[in-house]
Amino acid sequence: MGEITVSAQHIDHLVHDPASTYGAPYMQAYAALAASHRGRPVAEIVPLLRVAADAALLGFTGADLAEQARAISTGARYELRVRVTG
């Protein structure tokens, strides 16, 4: 299970908000990779997650992304704990 802290004004970087003009919510990219990259090597998935995280301006560490990539590769459930600040 991972954890990330996101400011309230940037929660749309993580999840889709139809009222937002921000166009790169991370969870959509994660879901797309989970659908298309199951069974693929972790080393192939991590750079794709890094691109999505960078586009969403989220500060996932390399370890965070590797953990997420392992979940995608194996088809395991991945839980992300989100702390929203101010």
C-alpha atoms as a PDB file:
ATOM      1  CA  MET A   1       0.000   0.000   0.000  1.00  0.00           C
ATOM      2  CA  GLY A   2       1.291   3.423  -0.911  1.00  0.00           C
ATOM      3  CA  GLU A   3       0.706   6.835   0.499  1.00  0.00           C
ATOM      4  CA  ILE A   4       0.801  10.322  -0.969  1.00  0.00           C
ATOM      5  CA  THR A   5      -0.039  13.781   0.302  1.00  0.00           C
ATOM      6  CA  VAL A   6      -1.827  16.095  -2.129  1.00  0.00           C
ATOM      7  CA  SER A   7      -2.988  19.642  -1.539  1.00  0.00           C
ATOM      8  CA  ALA A   8      -6.726  20.190  -1.842  1.00  0.00           C
ATOM      9  CA  GLN A   9      -6.258  22.485  -4.842  1.00  0.00           C
ATOM     10  CA  HIS A  10      -4.292  19.751  -6.659  1.00  0.00           C
ATOM     11  CA  ILE A  11      -6.448  16.687  -5.973  1.00  0.00           C
ATOM     12  CA  ASP A  12      -7.457  16.863  -9.643  1.00  0.00           C
ATOM     13  CA  HIS A  13      -3.869  15.853 -10.465  1.00  0.00           C
ATOM     14  CA  LEU A  14      -4.615  12.502  -8.862  1.00  0.00           C
ATOM     15  CA  VAL A  15      -8.256  11.816  -9.719  1.00  0.00           C
ATOM     16  CA  HIS A  16     -10.487  13.029 -12.534  1.00  0.00           C
ATOM     17  CA  ASP A  17     -12.587  16.093 -11.769  1.00  0.00           C
ATOM     18  CA  PRO A  18     -14.971  17.056 -14.581  1.00  0.00           C
ATOM     19  CA  ALA A  19     -15.021  20.647 -13.304  1.00  0.00           C
ATOM     20  CA  SER A  20     -11.240  20.932 -13.618  1.00  0.00           C
ATOM     21  CA  THR A  21      -9.292  22.093 -16.641  1.00  0.00           C
ATOM     22  CA  TYR A  22      -6.328  19.964 -15.569  1.00  0.00           C
ATOM     23  CA  GLY A  23      -5.858  17.188 -18.103  1.00  0.00           C
ATOM     24  CA  ALA A  24      -3.486  14.588 -16.639  1.00  0.00           C
ATOM     25  CA  PRO A  25      -5.041  12.844 -13.643  1.00  0.00           C
ATOM     26  CA  TYR A  26      -2.720  10.086 -12.485  1.00  0.00           C
ATOM     27  CA  MET A  27      -5.350   7.485 -11.596  1.00  0.00           C
ATOM     28  CA  GLN A  28      -6.622   7.401 -15.186  1.00  0.00           C
ATOM     29  CA  ALA A  29      -3.093   6.752 -16.447  1.00  0.00           C
ATOM     30  CA  TYR A  30      -2.587   4.088 -13.765  1.00  0.00           C
ATOM     31  CA  ALA A  31      -5.841   2.342 -14.714  1.00  0.00           C
ATOM     32  CA  ALA A  32      -4.923   2.377 -18.391  1.00  0.00           C
ATOM     33  CA  LEU A  33      -1.520   0.842 -17.642  1.00  0.00           C
ATOM     34  CA  ALA A  34      -3.115  -1.756 -15.373  1.00  0.00           C
ATOM     35  CA  ALA A  35      -5.395  -2.766 -18.237  1.00  0.00           C
ATOM     36  CA  SER A  36      -2.684  -2.887 -20.877  1.00  0.00           C
ATOM     37  CA  HIS A  37       0.471  -4.001 -19.056  1.00  0.00           C
ATOM     38  CA  ARG A  38      -0.521  -6.919 -16.850  1.00  0.00           C
ATOM     39  CA  GLY A  39       2.174  -9.559 -17.056  1.00  0.00           C
ATOM     40  CA  ARG A  40       4.746  -7.141 -18.456  1.00  0.00           C
ATOM     41  CA  PRO A  41       8.094  -6.661 -16.692  1.00  0.00           C
ATOM     42  CA  VAL A  42       8.205  -4.173 -13.827  1.00  0.00           C
ATOM     43  CA  ALA A  43      11.197  -2.462 -15.447  1.00  0.00           C
ATOM     44  CA  GLU A  44       9.029  -1.708 -18.480  1.00  0.00           C
ATOM     45  CA  ILE A  45       6.156  -0.291 -16.419  1.00  0.00           C
ATOM     46  CA  VAL A  46       8.099   1.973 -14.032  1.00  0.00           C
ATOM     47  CA  PRO A  47       9.164   4.518 -16.696  1.00  0.00           C
ATOM     48  CA  LEU A  48       5.576   4.760 -17.937  1.00  0.00           C
ATOM     49  CA  LEU A  49       4.359   5.412 -14.400  1.00  0.00           C
ATOM     50  CA  ARG A  50       7.129   8.026 -13.980  1.00  0.00           C
ATOM     51  CA  VAL A  51       5.903   9.864 -17.081  1.00  0.00           C
ATOM     52  CA  ALA A  52       2.333   9.825 -15.739  1.00  0.00           C
ATOM     53  CA  ALA A  53       3.444  10.953 -12.265  1.00  0.00           C
ATOM     54  CA  ASP A  54       5.559  13.757 -13.705  1.00  0.00           C
ATOM     55  CA  ALA A  55       2.717  14.892 -15.982  1.00  0.00           C
ATOM     56  CA  ALA A  56       0.417  14.971 -12.962  1.00  0.00           C
ATOM     57  CA  LEU A  57       3.052  16.825 -10.922  1.00  0.00           C
ATOM     58  CA  LEU A  58       2.944  14.152  -8.215  1.00  0.00           C
ATOM     59  CA  GLY A  59       6.007  13.354  -6.150  1.00  0.00           C
ATOM     60  CA  PHE A  60       6.025   9.575  -6.164  1.00  0.00           C
ATOM     61  CA  THR A  61       9.393   8.091  -5.253  1.00  0.00           C
ATOM     62  CA  GLY A  62      11.095   5.416  -7.319  1.00  0.00           C
ATOM     63  CA  ALA A  63      10.136   2.890  -4.643  1.00  0.00           C
ATOM     64  CA  ASP A  64       6.487   4.008  -4.860  1.00  0.00           C
ATOM     65  CA  LEU A  65       6.481   3.557  -8.614  1.00  0.00           C
ATOM     66  CA  ALA A  66       8.189   0.157  -8.399  1.00  0.00           C
ATOM     67  CA  GLU A  67       5.547  -0.998  -5.915  1.00  0.00           C
ATOM     68  CA  GLN A  68       2.779   0.192  -8.228  1.00  0.00           C
ATOM     69  CA  ALA A  69       4.467  -1.439 -11.221  1.00  0.00           C
ATOM     70  CA  ARG A  70       4.661  -4.785  -9.375  1.00  0.00           C
ATOM     71  CA  ALA A  71       0.931  -4.577  -8.700  1.00  0.00           C
ATOM     72  CA  ILE A  72       0.224  -3.853 -12.365  1.00  0.00           C
ATOM     73  CA  SER A  73       2.543  -6.619 -13.543  1.00  0.00           C
ATOM     74  CA  THR A  74       1.027  -9.265 -11.285  1.00  0.00           C
ATOM     75  CA  GLY A  75      -2.550  -8.020 -11.429  1.00  0.00           C
ATOM     76  CA  ALA A  76      -2.539  -7.543  -7.663  1.00  0.00           C
ATOM     77  CA  ARG A  77      -4.752  -5.019  -5.987  1.00  0.00           C
ATOM     78  CA  TYR A  78      -2.965  -1.781  -5.110  1.00  0.00           C
ATOM     79  CA  GLU A  79      -4.199   0.595  -2.453  1.00  0.00           C
ATOM     80  CA  LEU A  80      -3.060   4.196  -2.345  1.00  0.00           C
ATOM     81  CA  ARG A  81      -3.705   6.133   0.831  1.00  0.00           C
ATOM     82  CA  VAL A  82      -4.246   9.795  -0.030  1.00  0.00           C
ATOM     83  CA  ARG A  83      -3.840  12.544   2.535  1.00  0.00           C
ATOM     84  CA  VAL A  84      -5.334  15.854   1.429  1.00  0.00           C
ATOM     85  CA  THR A  85      -3.944  19.028   2.984  1.00  0.00           C
ATOM     86  CA  GLY A  86      -5.386  22.534   3.229  1.00  0.00           C
END
